[in-house]
Amino acid sequence: MKSNPLVSVLMTAYNRENFIASAIESVMASTYQEWELIILDDGSKDRTVEICKSYETKDERVKVFVNEKNLGQFKNRNKIVDYANGEYIKYLDSDDLIYPYGLEQLVYYMEQFPEAGYGLCSIEQDNEQLFPIMLSPEETYKRHFVEKKAVFHKAPLSSIIKTKVFRDLGGFPHEAVSGDLAMWCELSLSNNVILMPHGMVWYRVHADQEMQKTRDSVFVEFEYFKVEDYYLSLTECPLSKGGREKVIKLNQTKQKKYIFWKLRQLGPSIALKLYKYMNKPFELNRA
């Protein structure tokens, strides 16, 4: 176990002049000192870059980069890792915060399990055992899909990932709102995960965040079902063949219930489009 591995805190940004200073300062207030903060701006039109560069002059651990063209959410999350020097990468969105002890706790939990590839925090309490909990790929898929104890429904904010594991994987596999779900499904095909409790990061809810812009789209919501089906159908899925088939059947039943619900809410036109989408072959939109 390394006592103080370097953590690359990764902050992608686009038009976040109202929030990014607080996000940066939350990192600078960390009790854990072995960090670098890498900020990659995706072509902001406001004062985001100017604000970031003012912190770059205050602390040499803060490094600011600007894309030549706008890449979009998950392509930018992949690109920013090119600048990372740490053993771990820790995403912190430019409108969120990390508690002063957040990095320290994340590293503490990860370092206890060198055989794990990544960790997720802000997991609901397990009534049978204390955190941290290490799960194998099969245990992770079983917990999420069979036992219905949510693991994969986490934003990148909740993750800490070994940099080598991320690079070997090739980054986020899907350029869509459901790209984070796809990432955890992909990582857990072959990596152990560490589950950690709440209280390390703070997720800001506001009208301009990416999730809010798409929350009302029934097709965006439905894509989460399609991503789950995709990974459950892979031969690499760590569940047994019988287990996979059972979960896929249950997932398809959920999709039909969702379509029926939207039929009652929004009418036959939307329901028919969702039905066609349910039966359409799905491929990841590679980031």
C-alpha atoms as a PDB file:
ATOM      1  CA  MET A   1       0.000   0.000   0.000  1.00  0.00           C
ATOM      2  CA  LYS A   2       1.312   3.424  -0.946  1.00  0.00           C
ATOM      3  CA  SER A   3       0.862   5.950   1.821  1.00  0.00           C
ATOM      4  CA  ASN A   4       0.167   9.004  -0.332  1.00  0.00           C
ATOM      5  CA  PRO A   5      -0.511   8.207  -4.006  1.00  0.00           C
ATOM      6  CA  LEU A   6      -1.103  11.155  -6.304  1.00  0.00           C
ATOM      7  CA  VAL A   7      -4.753  11.743  -7.202  1.00  0.00           C
ATOM      8  CA  SER A   8      -5.624  13.561 -10.428  1.00  0.00           C
ATOM      9  CA  VAL A   9      -8.815  15.501  -9.785  1.00  0.00           C
ATOM     10  CA  LEU A  10     -10.432  16.005 -13.196  1.00  0.00           C
ATOM     11  CA  MET A  11     -12.748  18.948 -13.784  1.00  0.00           C
ATOM     12  CA  THR A  12     -14.321  19.334 -17.224  1.00  0.00           C
ATOM     13  CA  ALA A  13     -15.997  22.698 -17.732  1.00  0.00           C
ATOM     14  CA  TYR A  14     -18.356  24.512 -20.061  1.00  0.00           C
ATOM     15  CA  ASN A  15     -19.903  27.894 -19.146  1.00  0.00           C
ATOM     16  CA  ARG A  16     -19.636  27.401 -15.389  1.00  0.00           C
ATOM     17  CA  GLU A  17     -18.596  30.888 -14.261  1.00  0.00           C
ATOM     18  CA  ASN A  18     -21.227  30.835 -11.495  1.00  0.00           C
ATOM     19  CA  PHE A  19     -19.998  27.649  -9.819  1.00  0.00           C
ATOM     20  CA  ILE A  20     -16.442  26.761 -10.796  1.00  0.00           C
ATOM     21  CA  ALA A  21     -14.643  28.891  -8.197  1.00  0.00           C
ATOM     22  CA  SER A  22     -16.413  27.034  -5.389  1.00  0.00           C
ATOM     23  CA  ALA A  23     -15.585  23.698  -7.009  1.00  0.00           C
ATOM     24  CA  ILE A  24     -11.888  24.592  -7.284  1.00  0.00           C
ATOM     25  CA  GLU A  25     -11.736  25.897  -3.717  1.00  0.00           C
ATOM     26  CA  SER A  26     -13.298  22.691  -2.394  1.00  0.00           C
ATOM     27  CA  VAL A  27     -10.315  20.771  -3.820  1.00  0.00           C
ATOM     28  CA  MET A  28      -7.811  23.276  -2.470  1.00  0.00           C
ATOM     29  CA  ALA A  29      -9.347  22.833   1.008  1.00  0.00           C
ATOM     30  CA  SER A  30      -8.649  19.074   0.989  1.00  0.00           C
ATOM     31  CA  THR A  31      -7.001  17.516   4.019  1.00  0.00           C
ATOM     32  CA  TYR A  32      -5.296  15.160   1.553  1.00  0.00           C
ATOM     33  CA  GLN A  33      -2.443  17.045  -0.074  1.00  0.00           C
ATOM     34  CA  GLU A  34      -1.198  14.728  -2.845  1.00  0.00           C
ATOM     35  CA  TRP A  35      -3.434  15.949  -5.616  1.00  0.00           C
ATOM     36  CA  GLU A  36      -3.329  17.764  -8.905  1.00  0.00           C
ATOM     37  CA  LEU A  37      -6.385  19.555 -10.241  1.00  0.00           C
ATOM     38  CA  ILE A  38      -6.690  19.380 -14.012  1.00  0.00           C
ATOM     39  CA  ILE A  39      -9.312  21.620 -15.597  1.00  0.00           C
ATOM     40  CA  LEU A  40     -10.247  21.113 -19.248  1.00  0.00           C
ATOM     41  CA  ASP A  41     -12.539  23.779 -20.670  1.00  0.00           C
ATOM     42  CA  ASP A  42     -14.694  22.750 -23.609  1.00  0.00           C
ATOM     43  CA  GLY A  43     -14.974  26.142 -25.306  1.00  0.00           C
ATOM     44  CA  SER A  44     -16.775  28.262 -22.716  1.00  0.00           C
ATOM     45  CA  LYS A  45     -18.266  31.566 -23.848  1.00  0.00           C
ATOM     46  CA  ASP A  46     -18.300  33.139 -20.386  1.00  0.00           C
ATOM     47  CA  ARG A  47     -15.575  33.878 -17.780  1.00  0.00           C
ATOM     48  CA  THR A  48     -14.935  30.223 -16.872  1.00  0.00           C
ATOM     49  CA  VAL A  49     -11.364  30.082 -18.259  1.00  0.00           C
ATOM     50  CA  GLU A  50     -10.440  33.447 -16.765  1.00  0.00           C
ATOM     51  CA  ILE A  51     -11.592  32.316 -13.321  1.00  0.00           C
ATOM     52  CA  CYS A  52      -9.723  29.009 -13.621  1.00  0.00           C
ATOM     53  CA  LYS A  53      -6.469  30.667 -14.649  1.00  0.00           C
ATOM     54  CA  SER A  54      -6.626  32.944 -11.607  1.00  0.00           C
ATOM     55  CA  TYR A  55      -6.350  29.825  -9.418  1.00  0.00           C
ATOM     56  CA  GLU A  56      -3.568  28.427 -11.581  1.00  0.00           C
ATOM     57  CA  THR A  57      -1.396  31.334 -10.400  1.00  0.00           C
ATOM     58  CA  LYS A  58      -2.223  30.632  -6.740  1.00  0.00           C
ATOM     59  CA  ASP A  59      -1.361  26.925  -6.636  1.00  0.00           C
ATOM     60  CA  GLU A  60       0.970  25.081  -9.009  1.00  0.00           C
ATOM     61  CA  ARG A  61      -1.100  21.937  -8.583  1.00  0.00           C
ATOM     62  CA  VAL A  62      -3.928  23.599 -10.554  1.00  0.00           C
ATOM     63  CA  LYS A  63      -3.488  23.161 -14.319  1.00  0.00           C
ATOM     64  CA  VAL A  64      -5.839  24.674 -16.906  1.00  0.00           C
ATOM     65  CA  PHE A  65      -6.276  23.485 -20.501  1.00  0.00           C
ATOM     66  CA  VAL A  66      -8.702  24.562 -23.227  1.00  0.00           C
ATOM     67  CA  ASN A  67      -9.980  22.401 -26.094  1.00  0.00           C
ATOM     68  CA  GLU A  68      -9.548  23.690 -29.632  1.00  0.00           C
ATOM     69  CA  LYS A  69     -13.145  22.675 -30.361  1.00  0.00           C
ATOM     70  CA  ASN A  70     -16.148  21.589 -28.302  1.00  0.00           C
ATOM     71  CA  LEU A  71     -16.092  17.827 -27.682  1.00  0.00           C
ATOM     72  CA  GLY A  72     -19.198  17.219 -25.604  1.00  0.00           C
ATOM     73  CA  GLN A  73     -19.598  15.643 -22.182  1.00  0.00           C
ATOM     74  CA  PHE A  74     -18.045  12.180 -22.313  1.00  0.00           C
ATOM     75  CA  LYS A  75     -15.540  12.825 -25.080  1.00  0.00           C
ATOM     76  CA  ASN A  76     -14.229  15.614 -22.864  1.00  0.00           C
ATOM     77  CA  ARG A  77     -14.163  13.305 -19.841  1.00  0.00           C
ATOM     78  CA  ASN A  78     -12.008  10.934 -21.877  1.00  0.00           C
ATOM     79  CA  LYS A  79      -9.745  13.660 -23.233  1.00  0.00           C
ATOM     80  CA  ILE A  80      -8.936  15.138 -19.816  1.00  0.00           C
ATOM     81  CA  VAL A  81      -7.333  11.862 -18.695  1.00  0.00           C
ATOM     82  CA  ASP A  82      -4.555  12.502 -21.229  1.00  0.00           C
ATOM     83  CA  TYR A  83      -3.252  15.187 -18.849  1.00  0.00           C
ATOM     84  CA  ALA A  84      -3.452  13.043 -15.679  1.00  0.00           C
ATOM     85  CA  ASN A  85      -0.268  12.066 -13.822  1.00  0.00           C
ATOM     86  CA  GLY A  86      -1.858  10.468 -10.768  1.00  0.00           C
ATOM     87  CA  GLU A  87      -2.278   6.844  -9.789  1.00  0.00           C
ATOM     88  CA  TYR A  88      -5.982   7.564  -9.376  1.00  0.00           C
ATOM     89  CA  ILE A  89      -8.379   9.810 -11.266  1.00  0.00           C
ATOM     90  CA  LYS A  90     -11.240  11.519  -9.437  1.00  0.00           C
ATOM     91  CA  TYR A  91     -13.920  13.334 -11.430  1.00  0.00           C
ATOM     92  CA  LEU A  92     -15.318  16.504  -9.892  1.00  0.00           C
ATOM     93  CA  ASP A  93     -17.717  18.395 -12.116  1.00  0.00           C
ATOM     94  CA  SER A  94     -17.314  22.159 -12.225  1.00  0.00           C
ATOM     95  CA  ASP A  95     -20.652  22.728 -10.486  1.00  0.00           C
ATOM     96  CA  ASP A  96     -20.146  20.160  -7.694  1.00  0.00           C
ATOM     97  CA  LEU A  97     -18.067  20.096  -4.502  1.00  0.00           C
ATOM     98  CA  ILE A  98     -15.895  17.650  -2.585  1.00  0.00           C
ATOM     99  CA  TYR A  99     -15.799  17.717   1.211  1.00  0.00           C
ATOM    100  CA  PRO A 100     -12.426  18.606   2.785  1.00  0.00           C
ATOM    101  CA  TYR A 101     -11.895  15.002   3.884  1.00  0.00           C
ATOM    102  CA  GLY A 102     -13.373  13.494   0.693  1.00  0.00           C
ATOM    103  CA  LEU A 103     -10.106  12.732  -1.126  1.00  0.00           C
ATOM    104  CA  GLU A 104      -8.522  11.401   2.041  1.00  0.00           C
ATOM    105  CA  GLN A 105     -11.349   8.930   2.603  1.00  0.00           C
ATOM    106  CA  LEU A 106     -11.531   7.833  -1.027  1.00  0.00           C
ATOM    107  CA  VAL A 107      -7.811   7.060  -1.080  1.00  0.00           C
ATOM    108  CA  TYR A 108      -7.999   5.364   2.328  1.00  0.00           C
ATOM    109  CA  TYR A 109     -10.689   2.960   1.134  1.00  0.00           C
ATOM    110  CA  MET A 110      -9.066   2.242  -2.240  1.00  0.00           C
ATOM    111  CA  GLU A 111      -5.637   1.579  -0.773  1.00  0.00           C
ATOM    112  CA  GLN A 112      -7.039  -1.205   1.420  1.00  0.00           C
ATOM    113  CA  PHE A 113      -7.929  -3.191  -1.710  1.00  0.00           C
ATOM    114  CA  PRO A 114      -5.124  -3.084  -4.290  1.00  0.00           C
ATOM    115  CA  GLU A 115      -6.919  -5.752  -6.342  1.00  0.00           C
ATOM    116  CA  ALA A 116      -9.843  -3.375  -7.050  1.00  0.00           C
ATOM    117  CA  GLY A 117      -9.979  -1.334 -10.262  1.00  0.00           C
ATOM    118  CA  TYR A 118     -12.335   1.390  -9.156  1.00  0.00           C
ATOM    119  CA  GLY A 119     -14.595   2.624  -6.375  1.00  0.00           C
ATOM    120  CA  LEU A 120     -18.028   4.214  -6.066  1.00  0.00           C
ATOM    121  CA  CYS A 121     -19.118   6.335  -3.114  1.00  0.00           C
ATOM    122  CA  SER A 122     -22.511   7.710  -2.057  1.00  0.00           C
ATOM    123  CA  ILE A 123     -23.864   4.145  -1.936  1.00  0.00           C
ATOM    124  CA  GLU A 124     -26.892   3.490   0.255  1.00  0.00           C
ATOM    125  CA  GLN A 125     -26.193   1.746   3.558  1.00  0.00           C
ATOM    126  CA  ASP A 126     -25.882  -2.028   3.464  1.00  0.00           C
ATOM    127  CA  ASN A 127     -27.817  -3.465   6.393  1.00  0.00           C
ATOM    128  CA  GLU A 128     -25.653  -6.572   6.579  1.00  0.00           C
ATOM    129  CA  GLN A 129     -22.088  -5.229   6.483  1.00  0.00           C
ATOM    130  CA  LEU A 130     -20.035  -2.093   6.946  1.00  0.00           C
ATOM    131  CA  PHE A 131     -18.346  -0.146   4.166  1.00  0.00           C
ATOM    132  CA  PRO A 132     -15.974  -0.469   2.418  1.00  0.00           C
ATOM    133  CA  ILE A 133     -17.251  -3.498   0.525  1.00  0.00           C
ATOM    134  CA  MET A 134     -15.290  -5.090  -2.304  1.00  0.00           C
ATOM    135  CA  LEU A 135     -17.308  -6.907  -4.948  1.00  0.00           C
ATOM    136  CA  SER A 136     -16.114  -9.161  -7.746  1.00  0.00           C
ATOM    137  CA  PRO A 137     -17.614  -8.663 -11.227  1.00  0.00           C
ATOM    138  CA  GLU A 138     -20.164 -11.440 -10.646  1.00  0.00           C
ATOM    139  CA  GLU A 139     -21.082 -10.068  -7.205  1.00  0.00           C
ATOM    140  CA  THR A 140     -21.472  -6.555  -8.602  1.00  0.00           C
ATOM    141  CA  TYR A 141     -23.783  -7.583 -11.422  1.00  0.00           C
ATOM    142  CA  LYS A 142     -25.755  -9.801  -9.060  1.00  0.00           C
ATOM    143  CA  ARG A 143     -26.111  -7.009  -6.483  1.00  0.00           C
ATOM    144  CA  HIS A 144     -27.293  -4.469  -9.053  1.00  0.00           C
ATOM    145  CA  PHE A 145     -29.467  -6.565 -11.361  1.00  0.00           C
ATOM    146  CA  VAL A 146     -30.652  -9.488  -9.202  1.00  0.00           C
ATOM    147  CA  GLU A 147     -30.713  -8.165  -5.653  1.00  0.00           C
ATOM    148  CA  LYS A 148     -31.846  -4.702  -6.847  1.00  0.00           C
ATOM    149  CA  LYS A 149     -29.308  -2.876  -4.670  1.00  0.00           C
ATOM    150  CA  ALA A 150     -28.288  -0.011  -6.950  1.00  0.00           C
ATOM    151  CA  VAL A 151     -24.589   0.140  -7.790  1.00  0.00           C
ATOM    152  CA  PHE A 152     -24.413   1.478 -11.340  1.00  0.00           C
ATOM    153  CA  HIS A 153     -26.805   4.449 -11.020  1.00  0.00           C
ATOM    154  CA  LYS A 154     -24.027   6.866 -10.075  1.00  0.00           C
ATOM    155  CA  ALA A 155     -22.669  10.005 -11.687  1.00  0.00           C
ATOM    156  CA  PRO A 156     -18.905  10.265 -12.407  1.00  0.00           C
ATOM    157  CA  LEU A 157     -18.718  12.473  -9.283  1.00  0.00           C
ATOM    158  CA  SER A 158     -19.130   9.334  -7.161  1.00  0.00           C
ATOM    159  CA  SER A 159     -16.208   7.488  -8.727  1.00  0.00           C
ATOM    160  CA  ILE A 160     -12.505   7.050  -8.153  1.00  0.00           C
ATOM    161  CA  ILE A 161     -10.684   4.984 -10.771  1.00  0.00           C
ATOM    162  CA  LYS A 162      -7.172   3.652 -11.138  1.00  0.00           C
ATOM    163  CA  THR A 163      -5.687   5.609 -14.020  1.00  0.00           C
ATOM    164  CA  LYS A 164      -4.178   2.523 -15.657  1.00  0.00           C
ATOM    165  CA  VAL A 165      -7.517   0.716 -15.538  1.00  0.00           C
ATOM    166  CA  PHE A 166      -9.239   3.681 -17.169  1.00  0.00           C
ATOM    167  CA  ARG A 167      -6.649   3.932 -19.924  1.00  0.00           C
ATOM    168  CA  ASP A 168      -6.610   0.199 -20.567  1.00  0.00           C
ATOM    169  CA  LEU A 169     -10.386   0.300 -20.925  1.00  0.00           C
ATOM    170  CA  GLY A 170     -10.240   3.231 -23.334  1.00  0.00           C
ATOM    171  CA  GLY A 171     -12.422   5.571 -21.298  1.00  0.00           C
ATOM    172  CA  PHE A 172     -16.170   6.109 -21.161  1.00  0.00           C
ATOM    173  CA  PRO A 173     -17.701   3.828 -23.797  1.00  0.00           C
ATOM    174  CA  HIS A 174     -20.882   5.795 -24.558  1.00  0.00           C
ATOM    175  CA  GLU A 175     -21.476   9.436 -25.512  1.00  0.00           C
ATOM    176  CA  ALA A 176     -24.939   9.968 -24.011  1.00  0.00           C
ATOM    177  CA  VAL A 177     -26.519  10.856 -20.685  1.00  0.00           C
ATOM    178  CA  SER A 178     -26.415   7.131 -19.875  1.00  0.00           C
ATOM    179  CA  GLY A 179     -22.642   7.095 -20.478  1.00  0.00           C
ATOM    180  CA  ASP A 180     -21.902   6.806 -16.767  1.00  0.00           C
ATOM    181  CA  LEU A 181     -24.118   3.712 -16.445  1.00  0.00           C
ATOM    182  CA  ALA A 182     -22.316   2.218 -19.437  1.00  0.00           C
ATOM    183  CA  MET A 183     -18.947   2.963 -17.817  1.00  0.00           C
ATOM    184  CA  TRP A 184     -19.702   1.143 -14.560  1.00  0.00           C
ATOM    185  CA  CYS A 185     -21.187  -1.810 -16.459  1.00  0.00           C
ATOM    186  CA  GLU A 186     -18.075  -1.915 -18.651  1.00  0.00           C
ATOM    187  CA  LEU A 187     -15.619  -1.619 -15.771  1.00  0.00           C
ATOM    188  CA  SER A 188     -17.371  -4.327 -13.795  1.00  0.00           C
ATOM    189  CA  LEU A 189     -17.109  -6.870 -16.590  1.00  0.00           C
ATOM    190  CA  SER A 190     -13.557  -7.535 -15.401  1.00  0.00           C
ATOM    191  CA  ASN A 191     -12.767  -5.307 -12.388  1.00  0.00           C
ATOM    192  CA  ASN A 192     -13.513  -5.509  -8.688  1.00  0.00           C
ATOM    193  CA  VAL A 193     -15.265  -2.434  -7.284  1.00  0.00           C
ATOM    194  CA  ILE A 194     -15.124  -0.889  -3.807  1.00  0.00           C
ATOM    195  CA  LEU A 195     -18.438   0.409  -2.469  1.00  0.00           C
ATOM    196  CA  MET A 196     -18.163   3.397  -0.128  1.00  0.00           C
ATOM    197  CA  PRO A 197     -20.670   5.421   1.927  1.00  0.00           C
ATOM    198  CA  HIS A 198     -22.178   8.877   1.535  1.00  0.00           C
ATOM    199  CA  GLY A 199     -20.573  12.088   2.766  1.00  0.00           C
ATOM    200  CA  MET A 200     -17.504  12.581   0.540  1.00  0.00           C
ATOM    201  CA  VAL A 201     -18.933  14.599  -2.355  1.00  0.00           C
ATOM    202  CA  TRP A 202     -21.780  17.078  -2.852  1.00  0.00           C
ATOM    203  CA  TYR A 203     -23.918  17.021  -5.990  1.00  0.00           C
ATOM    204  CA  ARG A 204     -25.386  20.387  -6.959  1.00  0.00           C
ATOM    205  CA  VAL A 205     -28.867  20.449  -8.479  1.00  0.00           C
ATOM    206  CA  HIS A 206     -29.646  23.436 -10.709  1.00  0.00           C
ATOM    207  CA  ALA A 207     -31.550  24.286 -13.877  1.00  0.00           C
ATOM    208  CA  ASP A 208     -28.512  24.453 -16.191  1.00  0.00           C
ATOM    209  CA  GLN A 209     -26.943  21.080 -15.420  1.00  0.00           C
ATOM    210  CA  GLU A 210     -26.717  18.519 -18.207  1.00  0.00           C
ATOM    211  CA  MET A 211     -29.045  16.011 -16.561  1.00  0.00           C
ATOM    212  CA  GLN A 212     -31.777  18.613 -16.053  1.00  0.00           C
ATOM    213  CA  LYS A 213     -31.721  19.485 -19.760  1.00  0.00           C
ATOM    214  CA  THR A 214     -32.613  15.914 -20.737  1.00  0.00           C
ATOM    215  CA  ARG A 215     -34.562  14.704 -17.699  1.00  0.00           C
ATOM    216  CA  ASP A 216     -37.918  15.229 -19.426  1.00  0.00           C
ATOM    217  CA  SER A 217     -37.047  13.164 -22.510  1.00  0.00           C
ATOM    218  CA  VAL A 218     -38.710   9.767 -22.396  1.00  0.00           C
ATOM    219  CA  PHE A 219     -36.193   8.455 -24.927  1.00  0.00           C
ATOM    220  CA  VAL A 220     -33.249   9.513 -22.767  1.00  0.00           C
ATOM    221  CA  GLU A 221     -34.836   7.710 -19.820  1.00  0.00           C
ATOM    222  CA  PHE A 222     -35.543   4.633 -21.927  1.00  0.00           C
ATOM    223  CA  GLU A 223     -31.942   4.438 -23.125  1.00  0.00           C
ATOM    224  CA  TYR A 224     -30.904   3.324 -19.637  1.00  0.00           C
ATOM    225  CA  PHE A 225     -32.906   0.134 -20.216  1.00  0.00           C
ATOM    226  CA  LYS A 226     -31.180  -0.351 -23.559  1.00  0.00           C
ATOM    227  CA  VAL A 227     -27.712   0.066 -22.056  1.00  0.00           C
ATOM    228  CA  GLU A 228     -28.523  -2.505 -19.364  1.00  0.00           C
ATOM    229  CA  ASP A 229     -29.809  -4.947 -21.990  1.00  0.00           C
ATOM    230  CA  TYR A 230     -26.635  -4.418 -24.017  1.00  0.00           C
ATOM    231  CA  TYR A 231     -24.301  -5.414 -21.176  1.00  0.00           C
ATOM    232  CA  LEU A 232     -26.484  -8.235 -19.914  1.00  0.00           C
ATOM    233  CA  SER A 233     -26.457  -9.738 -23.423  1.00  0.00           C
ATOM    234  CA  LEU A 234     -22.665  -9.767 -23.755  1.00  0.00           C
ATOM    235  CA  THR A 235     -20.919 -13.132 -23.524  1.00  0.00           C
ATOM    236  CA  GLU A 236     -18.503 -11.415 -21.118  1.00  0.00           C
ATOM    237  CA  CYS A 237     -21.339 -10.653 -18.689  1.00  0.00           C
ATOM    238  CA  PRO A 238     -20.222 -12.177 -15.365  1.00  0.00           C
ATOM    239  CA  LEU A 239     -23.675 -13.565 -14.525  1.00  0.00           C
ATOM    240  CA  SER A 240     -24.447 -17.165 -15.395  1.00  0.00           C
ATOM    241  CA  LYS A 241     -26.331 -17.782 -18.632  1.00  0.00           C
ATOM    242  CA  GLY A 242     -29.498 -18.599 -16.711  1.00  0.00           C
ATOM    243  CA  GLY A 243     -29.046 -15.532 -14.508  1.00  0.00           C
ATOM    244  CA  ARG A 244     -28.559 -13.270 -17.533  1.00  0.00           C
ATOM    245  CA  GLU A 245     -31.634 -14.599 -19.299  1.00  0.00           C
ATOM    246  CA  LYS A 246     -33.773 -14.104 -16.181  1.00  0.00           C
ATOM    247  CA  VAL A 247     -32.620 -10.511 -15.657  1.00  0.00           C
ATOM    248  CA  ILE A 248     -33.034  -9.635 -19.357  1.00  0.00           C
ATOM    249  CA  LYS A 249     -36.604 -10.940 -19.221  1.00  0.00           C
ATOM    250  CA  LEU A 250     -37.314  -8.849 -16.122  1.00  0.00           C
ATOM    251  CA  ASN A 251     -35.733  -5.808 -17.758  1.00  0.00           C
ATOM    252  CA  GLN A 252     -37.902  -6.214 -20.845  1.00  0.00           C
ATOM    253  CA  THR A 253     -40.986  -6.453 -18.615  1.00  0.00           C
ATOM    254  CA  LYS A 254     -39.959  -3.148 -17.033  1.00  0.00           C
ATOM    255  CA  GLN A 255     -39.654  -1.618 -20.491  1.00  0.00           C
ATOM    256  CA  LYS A 256     -43.183  -2.706 -21.413  1.00  0.00           C
ATOM    257  CA  LYS A 257     -44.542  -1.276 -18.164  1.00  0.00           C
ATOM    258  CA  TYR A 258     -42.713   1.970 -18.863  1.00  0.00           C
ATOM    259  CA  ILE A 259     -44.254   2.163 -22.352  1.00  0.00           C
ATOM    260  CA  PHE A 260     -47.731   1.468 -20.946  1.00  0.00           C
ATOM    261  CA  TRP A 261     -47.209   4.207 -18.353  1.00  0.00           C
ATOM    262  CA  LYS A 262     -46.177   6.679 -21.076  1.00  0.00           C
ATOM    263  CA  LEU A 263     -49.179   5.582 -23.172  1.00  0.00           C
ATOM    264  CA  ARG A 264     -51.449   6.699 -20.345  1.00  0.00           C
ATOM    265  CA  GLN A 265     -49.416   9.883 -19.749  1.00  0.00           C
ATOM    266  CA  LEU A 266     -48.538  11.034 -23.254  1.00  0.00           C
ATOM    267  CA  GLY A 267     -50.705   9.094 -25.663  1.00  0.00           C
ATOM    268  CA  PRO A 268     -50.291   6.414 -28.368  1.00  0.00           C
ATOM    269  CA  SER A 269     -47.862   8.324 -30.612  1.00  0.00           C
ATOM    270  CA  ILE A 270     -45.058   8.419 -28.021  1.00  0.00           C
ATOM    271  CA  ALA A 271     -45.846   4.881 -26.844  1.00  0.00           C
ATOM    272  CA  LEU A 272     -45.553   3.537 -30.391  1.00  0.00           C
ATOM    273  CA  LYS A 273     -42.186   5.263 -30.884  1.00  0.00           C
ATOM    274  CA  LEU A 274     -40.938   3.786 -27.596  1.00  0.00           C
ATOM    275  CA  TYR A 275     -42.159   0.326 -28.620  1.00  0.00           C
ATOM    276  CA  LYS A 276     -40.222   0.575 -31.885  1.00  0.00           C
ATOM    277  CA  TYR A 277     -37.161   1.789 -29.966  1.00  0.00           C
ATOM    278  CA  MET A 278     -37.441  -1.157 -27.554  1.00  0.00           C
ATOM    279  CA  ASN A 279     -37.276  -3.623 -30.450  1.00  0.00           C
ATOM    280  CA  LYS A 280     -34.563  -1.807 -32.387  1.00  0.00           C
ATOM    281  CA  PRO A 281     -30.993  -3.215 -32.174  1.00  0.00           C
ATOM    282  CA  PHE A 282     -28.841  -1.078 -29.881  1.00  0.00           C
ATOM    283  CA  GLU A 283     -25.169  -0.222 -30.149  1.00  0.00           C
ATOM    284  CA  LEU A 284     -23.143   2.072 -27.925  1.00  0.00           C
ATOM    285  CA  ASN A 285     -22.386   5.498 -29.341  1.00  0.00           C
ATOM    286  CA  ARG A 286     -18.668   5.234 -28.687  1.00  0.00           C
ATOM    287  CA  ALA A 287     -17.182   8.257 -26.920  1.00  0.00           C
END
